[in-house]
Amino acid sequence: MSLSALLAIKPGVTAVIGGGGKTTLLSVLGRELSARGRVALCTTTKIFPFPGLPCAQTAEELARLAGERLICTGTEVPDTGKLTVPQVPIAQLARAFDYVLVEADGSAGRPLKAHAPHEPVIPPEAGNVILVVGASGFGRPVREAAHRPERYAALAGAGVEELVWPAMAAAVVRAEGLHDRVYINQAETPFRLADAKRFAQYMDCPVLAGSLQREEYQIC
């Protein structure tokens, strides 16, 4: 079964938040979903353009790409090489495309993430919110595994030097309550897959684990 089917991606707007792997997840889902309809990849924060994909920065450029099934769109951030919020509102994109996939969070490359009050920037049109957890964060100190480690530790009732294990990571995700589903990335070894399954035992939502690089996935 495809990743998009396992994550129950439906037409409309899907937001992806959480730790490392969000951009790759958008790429994989975009390729799969473009076989079913037109797909736009964008952000409400900042991302690098997707290699090999046509990219529209204006409404005019978007119109010129009307024949493309998979594009990215956003506004260039000067001197960074990154894109930010598209000029065309997400609600309008949702009328033009079958699927709009939005990276709605940043994690500074860390596998785990706790959110400041202004985060994540989930568009109101989103009908599905997928939270990414990087399994490489398990067994590492909060300080080095999590973006916003002090916030993460406070939500977990732990210290920043304590090691993150599945029960702690699940407690943080539950405390924030920002997700509809969880995807655990980097579950590429039997040990990490076992950790992912332990994480799922503490959750009351669908949890999927696997490897975006290997394109291997399973329901926990």
C-alpha atoms as a PDB file:
ATOM      1  CA  MET A   1       0.000   0.000   0.000  1.00  0.00           C
ATOM      2  CA  SER A   2       1.253   3.485  -0.819  1.00  0.00           C
ATOM      3  CA  LEU A   3       2.327   5.954   1.866  1.00  0.00           C
ATOM      4  CA  SER A   4      -0.433   8.359   0.870  1.00  0.00           C
ATOM      5  CA  ALA A   5      -3.029   5.614   1.325  1.00  0.00           C
ATOM      6  CA  LEU A   6      -1.577   4.549   4.680  1.00  0.00           C
ATOM      7  CA  LEU A   7      -1.743   8.170   5.852  1.00  0.00           C
ATOM      8  CA  ALA A   8      -5.293   8.516   4.492  1.00  0.00           C
ATOM      9  CA  ILE A   9      -4.457  11.574   2.392  1.00  0.00           C
ATOM     10  CA  LYS A  10      -7.663  12.876   0.840  1.00  0.00           C
ATOM     11  CA  PRO A  11      -8.212  15.643  -1.687  1.00  0.00           C
ATOM     12  CA  GLY A  12      -7.844  19.085  -0.156  1.00  0.00           C
ATOM     13  CA  VAL A  13      -5.200  20.569   2.129  1.00  0.00           C
ATOM     14  CA  THR A  14      -2.873  18.462   4.285  1.00  0.00           C
ATOM     15  CA  ALA A  15      -0.430  20.073   6.743  1.00  0.00           C
ATOM     16  CA  VAL A  16       2.807  18.389   7.831  1.00  0.00           C
ATOM     17  CA  ILE A  17       4.399  19.442  11.141  1.00  0.00           C
ATOM     18  CA  GLY A  18       6.911  18.178  13.709  1.00  0.00           C
ATOM     19  CA  GLY A  19      10.502  16.971  13.458  1.00  0.00           C
ATOM     20  CA  GLY A  20      12.949  16.157  10.678  1.00  0.00           C
ATOM     21  CA  GLY A  21      11.734  14.580   7.459  1.00  0.00           C
ATOM     22  CA  LYS A  22       8.835  16.881   6.603  1.00  0.00           C
ATOM     23  CA  THR A  23      10.191  18.088   3.261  1.00  0.00           C
ATOM     24  CA  THR A  24      11.053  14.562   2.134  1.00  0.00           C
ATOM     25  CA  LEU A  25       7.602  13.403   3.203  1.00  0.00           C
ATOM     26  CA  LEU A  26       6.014  16.097   1.040  1.00  0.00           C
ATOM     27  CA  SER A  27       8.151  14.984  -1.911  1.00  0.00           C
ATOM     28  CA  VAL A  28       7.161  11.322  -1.551  1.00  0.00           C
ATOM     29  CA  LEU A  29       3.473  12.106  -1.096  1.00  0.00           C
ATOM     30  CA  GLY A  30       3.551  14.540  -4.001  1.00  0.00           C
ATOM     31  CA  ARG A  31       4.946  11.930  -6.382  1.00  0.00           C
ATOM     32  CA  GLU A  32       2.348   9.376  -5.305  1.00  0.00           C
ATOM     33  CA  LEU A  33      -0.633  11.715  -5.379  1.00  0.00           C
ATOM     34  CA  SER A  34       0.262  13.213  -8.765  1.00  0.00           C
ATOM     35  CA  ALA A  35      -0.832   9.899 -10.267  1.00  0.00           C
ATOM     36  CA  ARG A  36      -4.363  10.700  -9.040  1.00  0.00           C
ATOM     37  CA  GLY A  37      -4.601  14.438  -9.603  1.00  0.00           C
ATOM     38  CA  ARG A  38      -2.826  17.777  -9.574  1.00  0.00           C
ATOM     39  CA  VAL A  39      -0.624  18.474  -6.541  1.00  0.00           C
ATOM     40  CA  ALA A  40       0.870  21.696  -5.157  1.00  0.00           C
ATOM     41  CA  LEU A  41       3.631  21.672  -2.528  1.00  0.00           C
ATOM     42  CA  CYS A  42       4.080  24.809  -0.427  1.00  0.00           C
ATOM     43  CA  THR A  43       4.835  26.131   3.040  1.00  0.00           C
ATOM     44  CA  THR A  44       3.576  28.512   5.709  1.00  0.00           C
ATOM     45  CA  THR A  45       7.126  28.885   7.062  1.00  0.00           C
ATOM     46  CA  LYS A  46      10.299  28.546   4.947  1.00  0.00           C
ATOM     47  CA  ILE A  47      11.557  25.704   2.759  1.00  0.00           C
ATOM     48  CA  PHE A  48      14.058  25.168  -0.022  1.00  0.00           C
ATOM     49  CA  PRO A  49      12.499  24.633  -3.466  1.00  0.00           C
ATOM     50  CA  PHE A  50      11.954  21.005  -4.400  1.00  0.00           C
ATOM     51  CA  PRO A  51      14.686  19.842  -6.815  1.00  0.00           C
ATOM     52  CA  GLY A  52      13.434  19.010 -10.265  1.00  0.00           C
ATOM     53  CA  LEU A  53       9.964  20.454  -9.770  1.00  0.00           C
ATOM     54  CA  PRO A  54       8.599  23.467 -11.609  1.00  0.00           C
ATOM     55  CA  CYS A  55       8.077  26.296  -9.140  1.00  0.00           C
ATOM     56  CA  ALA A  56       5.598  29.178  -9.388  1.00  0.00           C
ATOM     57  CA  GLN A  57       6.128  32.379  -7.430  1.00  0.00           C
ATOM     58  CA  THR A  58       3.264  34.441  -8.886  1.00  0.00           C
ATOM     59  CA  ALA A  59      -0.290  33.852 -10.060  1.00  0.00           C
ATOM     60  CA  GLU A  60       0.897  34.326 -13.638  1.00  0.00           C
ATOM     61  CA  GLU A  61       3.589  31.659 -13.268  1.00  0.00           C
ATOM     62  CA  LEU A  62       1.038  29.368 -11.648  1.00  0.00           C
ATOM     63  CA  ALA A  63      -1.273  29.797 -14.633  1.00  0.00           C
ATOM     64  CA  ARG A  64       1.574  28.931 -17.022  1.00  0.00           C
ATOM     65  CA  LEU A  65       2.061  25.642 -15.173  1.00  0.00           C
ATOM     66  CA  ALA A  66      -1.563  24.600 -15.575  1.00  0.00           C
ATOM     67  CA  GLY A  67      -0.512  21.471 -17.463  1.00  0.00           C
ATOM     68  CA  GLU A  68       1.830  20.239 -14.723  1.00  0.00           C
ATOM     69  CA  ARG A  69       0.577  17.603 -12.308  1.00  0.00           C
ATOM     70  CA  LEU A  70       3.142  18.306  -9.547  1.00  0.00           C
ATOM     71  CA  ILE A  71       4.568  21.742  -8.725  1.00  0.00           C
ATOM     72  CA  CYS A  72       5.837  23.764  -5.814  1.00  0.00           C
ATOM     73  CA  THR A  73       4.828  27.328  -5.130  1.00  0.00           C
ATOM     74  CA  GLY A  74       6.044  30.037  -2.803  1.00  0.00           C
ATOM     75  CA  THR A  75       7.569  33.488  -2.497  1.00  0.00           C
ATOM     76  CA  GLU A  76      11.348  33.810  -2.671  1.00  0.00           C
ATOM     77  CA  VAL A  77      13.107  34.902   0.515  1.00  0.00           C
ATOM     78  CA  PRO A  78      15.969  37.165  -0.634  1.00  0.00           C
ATOM     79  CA  ASP A  79      19.532  35.929  -0.102  1.00  0.00           C
ATOM     80  CA  THR A  80      18.452  32.567   1.383  1.00  0.00           C
ATOM     81  CA  GLY A  81      17.486  30.374  -1.558  1.00  0.00           C
ATOM     82  CA  LYS A  82      14.304  29.532   0.334  1.00  0.00           C
ATOM     83  CA  LEU A  83      10.602  29.963  -0.333  1.00  0.00           C
ATOM     84  CA  THR A  84       8.003  31.217   2.088  1.00  0.00           C
ATOM     85  CA  VAL A  85       4.199  31.629   1.989  1.00  0.00           C
ATOM     86  CA  PRO A  86       2.886  31.566  -1.595  1.00  0.00           C
ATOM     87  CA  GLN A  87       1.434  34.719  -3.100  1.00  0.00           C
ATOM     88  CA  VAL A  88      -1.659  32.785  -4.136  1.00  0.00           C
ATOM     89  CA  PRO A  89      -3.642  32.026  -0.939  1.00  0.00           C
ATOM     90  CA  ILE A  90      -3.864  28.391   0.091  1.00  0.00           C
ATOM     91  CA  ALA A  91      -7.653  28.508  -0.143  1.00  0.00           C
ATOM     92  CA  GLN A  92      -7.289  29.498  -3.809  1.00  0.00           C
ATOM     93  CA  LEU A  93      -4.666  26.794  -4.397  1.00  0.00           C
ATOM     94  CA  ALA A  94      -7.122  24.251  -2.980  1.00  0.00           C
ATOM     95  CA  ARG A  95      -9.612  25.209  -5.672  1.00  0.00           C
ATOM     96  CA  ALA A  96      -7.033  24.838  -8.451  1.00  0.00           C
ATOM     97  CA  PHE A  97      -5.342  21.623  -7.272  1.00  0.00           C
ATOM     98  CA  ASP A  98      -6.679  18.276  -6.116  1.00  0.00           C
ATOM     99  CA  TYR A  99      -4.109  18.095  -3.316  1.00  0.00           C
ATOM    100  CA  VAL A 100      -2.252  20.874  -1.517  1.00  0.00           C
ATOM    101  CA  LEU A 101       0.529  19.665   0.790  1.00  0.00           C
ATOM    102  CA  VAL A 102       1.826  22.271   3.219  1.00  0.00           C
ATOM    103  CA  GLU A 103       4.994  22.158   5.308  1.00  0.00           C
ATOM    104  CA  ALA A 104       3.649  24.087   8.283  1.00  0.00           C
ATOM    105  CA  ASP A 105       6.541  23.877  10.725  1.00  0.00           C
ATOM    106  CA  GLY A 106      10.297  24.094  11.150  1.00  0.00           C
ATOM    107  CA  SER A 107      12.559  21.982  13.346  1.00  0.00           C
ATOM    108  CA  ALA A 108      16.105  23.215  12.599  1.00  0.00           C
ATOM    109  CA  GLY A 109      16.961  19.725  11.349  1.00  0.00           C
ATOM    110  CA  ARG A 110      16.221  18.075  14.715  1.00  0.00           C
ATOM    111  CA  PRO A 111      14.288  14.784  14.759  1.00  0.00           C
ATOM    112  CA  LEU A 112      11.942  15.948  17.537  1.00  0.00           C
ATOM    113  CA  LYS A 113      10.091  19.200  18.101  1.00  0.00           C
ATOM    114  CA  ALA A 114       8.194  21.099  20.787  1.00  0.00           C
ATOM    115  CA  HIS A 115       6.193  24.082  19.647  1.00  0.00           C
ATOM    116  CA  ALA A 116       6.338  27.695  20.726  1.00  0.00           C
ATOM    117  CA  PRO A 117       2.986  29.495  21.112  1.00  0.00           C
ATOM    118  CA  HIS A 118       3.142  30.842  17.537  1.00  0.00           C
ATOM    119  CA  GLU A 119       3.809  27.382  16.075  1.00  0.00           C
ATOM    120  CA  PRO A 120       2.961  25.460  13.998  1.00  0.00           C
ATOM    121  CA  VAL A 121       1.401  27.608  11.276  1.00  0.00           C
ATOM    122  CA  ILE A 122      -1.375  25.238  10.219  1.00  0.00           C
ATOM    123  CA  PRO A 123      -3.607  26.760   7.513  1.00  0.00           C
ATOM    124  CA  PRO A 124      -7.287  26.850   8.478  1.00  0.00           C
ATOM    125  CA  GLU A 125      -8.119  24.925   5.305  1.00  0.00           C
ATOM    126  CA  ALA A 126      -6.145  21.859   6.441  1.00  0.00           C
ATOM    127  CA  GLY A 127      -8.335  18.800   6.807  1.00  0.00           C
ATOM    128  CA  ASN A 128      -5.506  16.523   7.936  1.00  0.00           C
ATOM    129  CA  VAL A 129      -2.447  17.253  10.099  1.00  0.00           C
ATOM    130  CA  ILE A 130       0.431  14.767  10.040  1.00  0.00           C
ATOM    131  CA  LEU A 131       3.088  15.075  12.734  1.00  0.00           C
ATOM    132  CA  VAL A 132       6.547  13.704  11.907  1.00  0.00           C
ATOM    133  CA  VAL A 133       8.699  12.132  14.639  1.00  0.00           C
ATOM    134  CA  GLY A 134      12.299  11.198  13.839  1.00  0.00           C
ATOM    135  CA  ALA A 135      13.186   7.849  15.402  1.00  0.00           C
ATOM    136  CA  SER A 136      16.831   8.937  15.505  1.00  0.00           C
ATOM    137  CA  GLY A 137      15.850  11.110  18.472  1.00  0.00           C
ATOM    138  CA  PHE A 138      15.108   8.114  20.687  1.00  0.00           C
ATOM    139  CA  GLY A 139      17.855   7.373  23.179  1.00  0.00           C
ATOM    140  CA  ARG A 140      19.435  10.830  22.857  1.00  0.00           C
ATOM    141  CA  PRO A 141      19.332  13.701  25.370  1.00  0.00           C
ATOM    142  CA  VAL A 142      16.477  16.155  24.978  1.00  0.00           C
ATOM    143  CA  ARG A 143      19.000  18.963  24.512  1.00  0.00           C
ATOM    144  CA  GLU A 144      20.418  17.495  21.305  1.00  0.00           C
ATOM    145  CA  ALA A 145      17.389  15.609  19.932  1.00  0.00           C
ATOM    146  CA  ALA A 146      14.671  18.246  20.185  1.00  0.00           C
ATOM    147  CA  HIS A 147      14.121  21.647  18.663  1.00  0.00           C
ATOM    148  CA  ARG A 148      13.118  23.992  21.509  1.00  0.00           C
ATOM    149  CA  PRO A 149      14.542  21.557  24.093  1.00  0.00           C
ATOM    150  CA  GLU A 150      13.513  23.546  27.162  1.00  0.00           C
ATOM    151  CA  ARG A 151       9.914  23.551  25.980  1.00  0.00           C
ATOM    152  CA  TYR A 152      10.156  19.848  25.122  1.00  0.00           C
ATOM    153  CA  ALA A 153      11.531  19.011  28.573  1.00  0.00           C
ATOM    154  CA  ALA A 154       8.813  21.039  30.295  1.00  0.00           C
ATOM    155  CA  LEU A 155       6.063  19.224  28.413  1.00  0.00           C
ATOM    156  CA  ALA A 156       7.680  15.889  29.239  1.00  0.00           C
ATOM    157  CA  GLY A 157       8.239  16.738  32.913  1.00  0.00           C
ATOM    158  CA  ALA A 158      11.913  15.941  32.392  1.00  0.00           C
ATOM    159  CA  GLY A 159      15.297  17.611  32.310  1.00  0.00           C
ATOM    160  CA  VAL A 160      17.050  18.625  29.121  1.00  0.00           C
ATOM    161  CA  GLU A 161      19.838  16.132  29.780  1.00  0.00           C
ATOM    162  CA  GLU A 162      17.447  13.178  30.143  1.00  0.00           C
ATOM    163  CA  LEU A 163      17.253  10.672  27.311  1.00  0.00           C
ATOM    164  CA  VAL A 164      14.190  10.665  25.103  1.00  0.00           C
ATOM    165  CA  TRP A 165      12.429   7.311  24.955  1.00  0.00           C
ATOM    166  CA  PRO A 166       9.148   6.461  23.212  1.00  0.00           C
ATOM    167  CA  ALA A 167       6.956   7.065  26.281  1.00  0.00           C
ATOM    168  CA  MET A 168       8.415  10.557  26.728  1.00  0.00           C
ATOM    169  CA  ALA A 169       8.061  11.439  23.047  1.00  0.00           C
ATOM    170  CA  ALA A 170       4.459  10.256  23.040  1.00  0.00           C
ATOM    171  CA  ALA A 171       3.722  12.300  26.167  1.00  0.00           C
ATOM    172  CA  VAL A 172       4.937  15.463  24.445  1.00  0.00           C
ATOM    173  CA  VAL A 173       2.906  14.756  21.305  1.00  0.00           C
ATOM    174  CA  ARG A 174      -0.221  14.070  23.369  1.00  0.00           C
ATOM    175  CA  ALA A 175       0.297  17.187  25.507  1.00  0.00           C
ATOM    176  CA  GLU A 176       0.430  19.402  22.419  1.00  0.00           C
ATOM    177  CA  GLY A 177      -2.476  17.690  20.656  1.00  0.00           C
ATOM    178  CA  LEU A 178      -1.741  19.245  17.273  1.00  0.00           C
ATOM    179  CA  HIS A 179      -1.973  16.135  15.096  1.00  0.00           C
ATOM    180  CA  ASP A 180      -4.453  13.823  13.420  1.00  0.00           C
ATOM    181  CA  ARG A 181      -1.858  11.161  12.588  1.00  0.00           C
ATOM    182  CA  VAL A 182       1.782  10.510  13.401  1.00  0.00           C
ATOM    183  CA  TYR A 183       4.449   9.352  10.984  1.00  0.00           C
ATOM    184  CA  ILE A 184       7.653   8.040  12.602  1.00  0.00           C
ATOM    185  CA  ASN A 185      10.497   8.436  10.139  1.00  0.00           C
ATOM    186  CA  GLN A 186      13.983   6.888  10.266  1.00  0.00           C
ATOM    187  CA  ALA A 187      12.618   3.581  11.561  1.00  0.00           C
ATOM    188  CA  GLU A 188      15.212   1.761   9.477  1.00  0.00           C
ATOM    189  CA  THR A 189      16.446  -0.894  11.935  1.00  0.00           C
ATOM    190  CA  PRO A 190      14.633  -3.491  14.069  1.00  0.00           C
ATOM    191  CA  PHE A 191      15.517  -1.458  17.175  1.00  0.00           C
ATOM    192  CA  ARG A 192      14.055   1.775  15.823  1.00  0.00           C
ATOM    193  CA  LEU A 193      10.984  -0.028  14.543  1.00  0.00           C
ATOM    194  CA  ALA A 194      10.503  -1.538  18.009  1.00  0.00           C
ATOM    195  CA  ASP A 195      10.753   1.961  19.498  1.00  0.00           C
ATOM    196  CA  ALA A 196       8.141   3.175  17.008  1.00  0.00           C
ATOM    197  CA  LYS A 197       5.771   0.407  18.070  1.00  0.00           C
ATOM    198  CA  ARG A 198       6.321   1.283  21.729  1.00  0.00           C
ATOM    199  CA  PHE A 199       5.543   4.920  20.913  1.00  0.00           C
ATOM    200  CA  ALA A 200       2.287   3.848  19.239  1.00  0.00           C
ATOM    201  CA  GLN A 201       1.177   2.016  22.392  1.00  0.00           C
ATOM    202  CA  TYR A 202       0.882   5.373  24.170  1.00  0.00           C
ATOM    203  CA  MET A 203      -1.100   7.052  21.388  1.00  0.00           C
ATOM    204  CA  ASP A 204      -4.795   7.142  20.582  1.00  0.00           C
ATOM    205  CA  CYS A 205      -4.394   8.085  16.919  1.00  0.00           C
ATOM    206  CA  PRO A 206      -3.118   6.216  13.841  1.00  0.00           C
ATOM    207  CA  VAL A 207       0.686   5.819  13.883  1.00  0.00           C
ATOM    208  CA  LEU A 208       2.736   4.824  10.867  1.00  0.00           C
ATOM    209  CA  ALA A 209       6.465   4.057  10.888  1.00  0.00           C
ATOM    210  CA  GLY A 210       9.034   3.531   8.202  1.00  0.00           C
ATOM    211  CA  SER A 211      11.831   4.933   6.102  1.00  0.00           C
ATOM    212  CA  LEU A 212      11.293   7.649   3.517  1.00  0.00           C
ATOM    213  CA  GLN A 213      14.691   6.876   1.990  1.00  0.00           C
ATOM    214  CA  ARG A 214      13.864   3.187   1.529  1.00  0.00           C
ATOM    215  CA  GLU A 215      10.166   3.806   0.879  1.00  0.00           C
ATOM    216  CA  GLU A 216       9.232   1.108   3.417  1.00  0.00           C
ATOM    217  CA  TYR A 217       6.277   1.686   5.736  1.00  0.00           C
ATOM    218  CA  GLN A 218       4.055  -0.159   8.174  1.00  0.00           C
ATOM    219  CA  ILE A 219       1.205   0.561  10.538  1.00  0.00           C
ATOM    220  CA  CYS A 220       2.211   0.355  14.202  1.00  0.00           C
END
